[in-house]
Amino acid sequence: MTDLLAFAKTMADETRQQIMQILCCRELCVTDVVETLAHDGNEVSQPTVSHHLNLLREAGLVTMRRDGRQVYYSLNQDAVAICCGVILQRFAPEQEIWSLQPHQALP
């Protein structure tokens, strides 16, 4: 995904941002996402979470994997990094951008 408008619209929702945070570096099914949101104080119904996951998947920000009847979701970190990089290049071209290797911490 490099459509900045679609990226911005998708990221504009706080619940979708929370779902992306939850799915960072792990795979979860819808039920696990609902339970994690509830544990964090955000009571969201399963159909609503499924709707948000579908929007995130359509935007390319979340990947989906089927295992039998169960569906697992995870954050597409490459797509997020590309979109953020495009935003930085377009709106902050004079700023130094850190080049990080996967799992490398900021200085």
Foldseek 3Di string as FASTA:
>chain_A
DQPLVLVCVLVVDPLLVLLQVVQEPHKDFLVVSQVVCVVVVHRDDSVVSVVSVVSCVVVVQKDWDDDPPTIIIHGPVVVVVNNVVVCCCVPPVPDDDDDDDPPRDDD
